Amino acid sequence: MSVFDELIFDRNQTDLSNNTAKAYHNVSDLERINGACLELSALFISKGISNTVTVDNLWGPLDYTPARLNQILQNIQTLRDLAVLGPTTPEVPDDFNRPTIEMANDLERILFDVYLYASSL
């Protein structure tokens, strides 16, 4: 199974109300997002499209620093900028200051859409 098969972009209010694991970003979510960024970077490079993403998959409870979270956003923006995407693909948020389930869905939806684009090249 590919990391792209594991992306989650169907979180909803019920998940939040029921306090499910899907409702909140945690270490496994960040590792999945970083893994997808790394795989997308490699996929683009294999197609002759250079890019630079910085991925650190060593996450623990104390690793949720603004700098590291913003690096994730920068990586997603870098990859999004390489793709020709439709109007339904969300924009990358400016920061992680007020994370929501919509933001979590958007981040993983962007990665999935970029994957579909890169796979079609």
Protein backbone atom coordinates (compact mmCIF):
# COMPACT_ATOMS: atom_id res chain seq x y z
CA MET A 1 0.00 0.00 0.00
CA SER A 2 1.26 3.44 -0.93
CA VAL A 3 1.40 6.38 1.45
CA PHE A 4 -1.01 8.07 -0.96
CA ASP A 5 -3.61 5.39 -0.24
CA GLU A 6 -3.35 6.30 3.44
CA LEU A 7 -3.89 10.05 3.14
CA ILE A 8 -6.90 11.27 5.09
CA PHE A 9 -9.03 14.08 3.73
CA ASP A 10 -12.49 13.03 4.90
CA ARG A 11 -12.37 14.23 8.51
CA ASN A 12 -15.65 15.76 9.61
CA GLN A 13 -17.47 17.24 12.57
CA THR A 14 -18.57 13.79 13.72
CA ASP A 15 -14.92 12.79 14.09
CA LEU A 16 -14.34 15.88 16.18
CA SER A 17 -17.49 15.39 18.26
CA ASN A 18 -16.65 11.74 18.89
CA ASN A 19 -13.01 12.57 19.62
CA THR A 20 -11.76 10.04 17.07
CA ALA A 21 -8.09 9.70 16.17
CA LYS A 22 -8.85 11.25 12.77
CA ALA A 23 -9.97 14.49 14.38
CA TYR A 24 -6.57 15.66 15.54
CA HIS A 25 -3.10 15.89 14.00
CA ASN A 26 -0.67 13.64 15.80
CA VAL A 27 2.76 12.14 15.21
CA SER A 28 1.46 9.51 12.77
CA ASP A 29 -0.28 12.20 10.70
CA LEU A 30 2.87 14.30 10.49
CA GLU A 31 4.95 11.26 9.57
CA ARG A 32 2.41 10.34 6.85
CA ILE A 33 2.48 13.89 5.47
CA ASN A 34 6.28 14.00 5.54
CA GLY A 35 6.43 10.58 3.87
CA ALA A 36 4.11 11.77 1.12
CA CYS A 37 6.25 14.89 0.62
CA LEU A 38 9.38 12.78 0.35
CA GLU A 39 7.77 10.36 -2.13
CA LEU A 40 6.37 13.20 -4.23
CA SER A 41 9.75 14.90 -4.32
CA ALA A 42 11.34 11.66 -5.54
CA LEU A 43 8.56 11.12 -8.09
CA PHE A 44 9.08 14.59 -9.56
CA ILE A 45 12.84 14.07 -9.64
CA SER A 46 12.34 10.75 -11.45
CA LYS A 47 10.40 12.71 -14.08
CA GLY A 48 13.22 15.22 -14.46
CA ILE A 49 11.63 17.96 -12.34
CA SER A 50 14.00 19.19 -9.66
CA ASN A 51 12.70 20.38 -6.33
CA THR A 52 13.82 20.84 -2.77
CA VAL A 53 11.85 19.60 0.21
CA THR A 54 13.20 19.24 3.74
CA VAL A 55 11.76 16.22 5.52
CA ASP A 56 12.40 15.19 9.11
CA ASN A 57 10.51 12.06 10.12
CA LEU A 58 11.76 12.00 13.69
CA TRP A 59 8.71 13.24 15.57
CA GLY A 60 7.95 13.10 19.24
CA PRO A 61 5.70 15.01 21.64
CA LEU A 62 8.19 17.88 21.95
CA ASP A 63 8.79 18.22 18.22
CA TYR A 64 5.70 20.26 17.37
CA THR A 65 7.65 23.50 17.05
CA PRO A 66 6.36 26.31 14.84
CA ALA A 67 9.48 26.05 12.66
CA ARG A 68 9.01 22.33 12.02
CA LEU A 69 5.29 22.67 11.37
CA ASN A 70 5.89 25.58 9.01
CA GLN A 71 8.50 23.48 7.17
CA ILE A 72 5.72 21.01 6.38
CA LEU A 73 3.67 23.85 4.89
CA GLN A 74 6.66 25.03 2.86
CA ASN A 75 7.21 21.50 1.53
CA ILE A 76 3.58 21.18 0.52
CA GLN A 77 3.68 24.59 -1.17
CA THR A 78 6.86 23.65 -3.05
CA LEU A 79 5.22 20.48 -4.34
CA ARG A 80 1.90 22.19 -5.09
CA ASP A 81 3.73 24.79 -7.16
CA LEU A 82 5.12 22.03 -9.40
CA ALA A 83 1.68 20.75 -10.34
CA VAL A 84 -1.08 21.98 -12.60
CA LEU A 85 -4.12 21.56 -10.39
CA GLY A 86 -7.81 22.23 -10.73
CA PRO A 87 -9.84 24.81 -8.84
CA THR A 88 -10.99 22.25 -6.26
CA THR A 89 -7.48 21.76 -4.90
CA PRO A 90 -7.17 23.89 -1.76
CA GLU A 91 -4.48 26.47 -1.19
CA VAL A 92 -1.76 25.79 1.36
CA PRO A 93 -2.53 27.55 4.66
CA ASP A 94 -0.21 30.35 5.77
CA ASP A 95 0.54 28.79 9.15
CA PHE A 96 -0.45 26.20 11.73
CA ASN A 97 -1.64 28.78 14.26
CA ARG A 98 -5.27 27.64 14.24
CA PRO A 99 -5.41 24.06 12.98
CA THR A 100 -8.84 22.77 12.05
CA ILE A 101 -10.16 19.53 10.59
CA GLU A 102 -10.63 21.44 7.34
CA MET A 103 -6.95 22.41 7.34
CA ALA A 104 -5.95 18.81 8.04
CA ASN A 105 -8.16 17.63 5.18
CA ASP A 106 -6.78 20.33 2.87
CA LEU A 107 -3.14 19.44 3.51
CA GLU A 108 -3.63 15.79 2.68
CA ARG A 109 -5.97 16.57 -0.25
CA ILE A 110 -3.29 18.80 -1.77
CA LEU A 111 -0.74 15.99 -1.51
CA PHE A 112 -3.16 13.53 -3.09
CA ASP A 113 -3.98 15.89 -5.97
CA VAL A 114 -0.28 16.60 -6.56
CA TYR A 115 0.32 12.83 -6.58
CA LEU A 116 -2.37 12.33 -9.24
CA TYR A 117 -0.78 15.06 -11.34
CA ALA A 118 2.80 13.79 -10.93
CA SER A 119 1.74 10.23 -11.69
CA SER A 120 0.21 11.37 -14.97
CA LEU A 121 3.43 12.90 -16.30
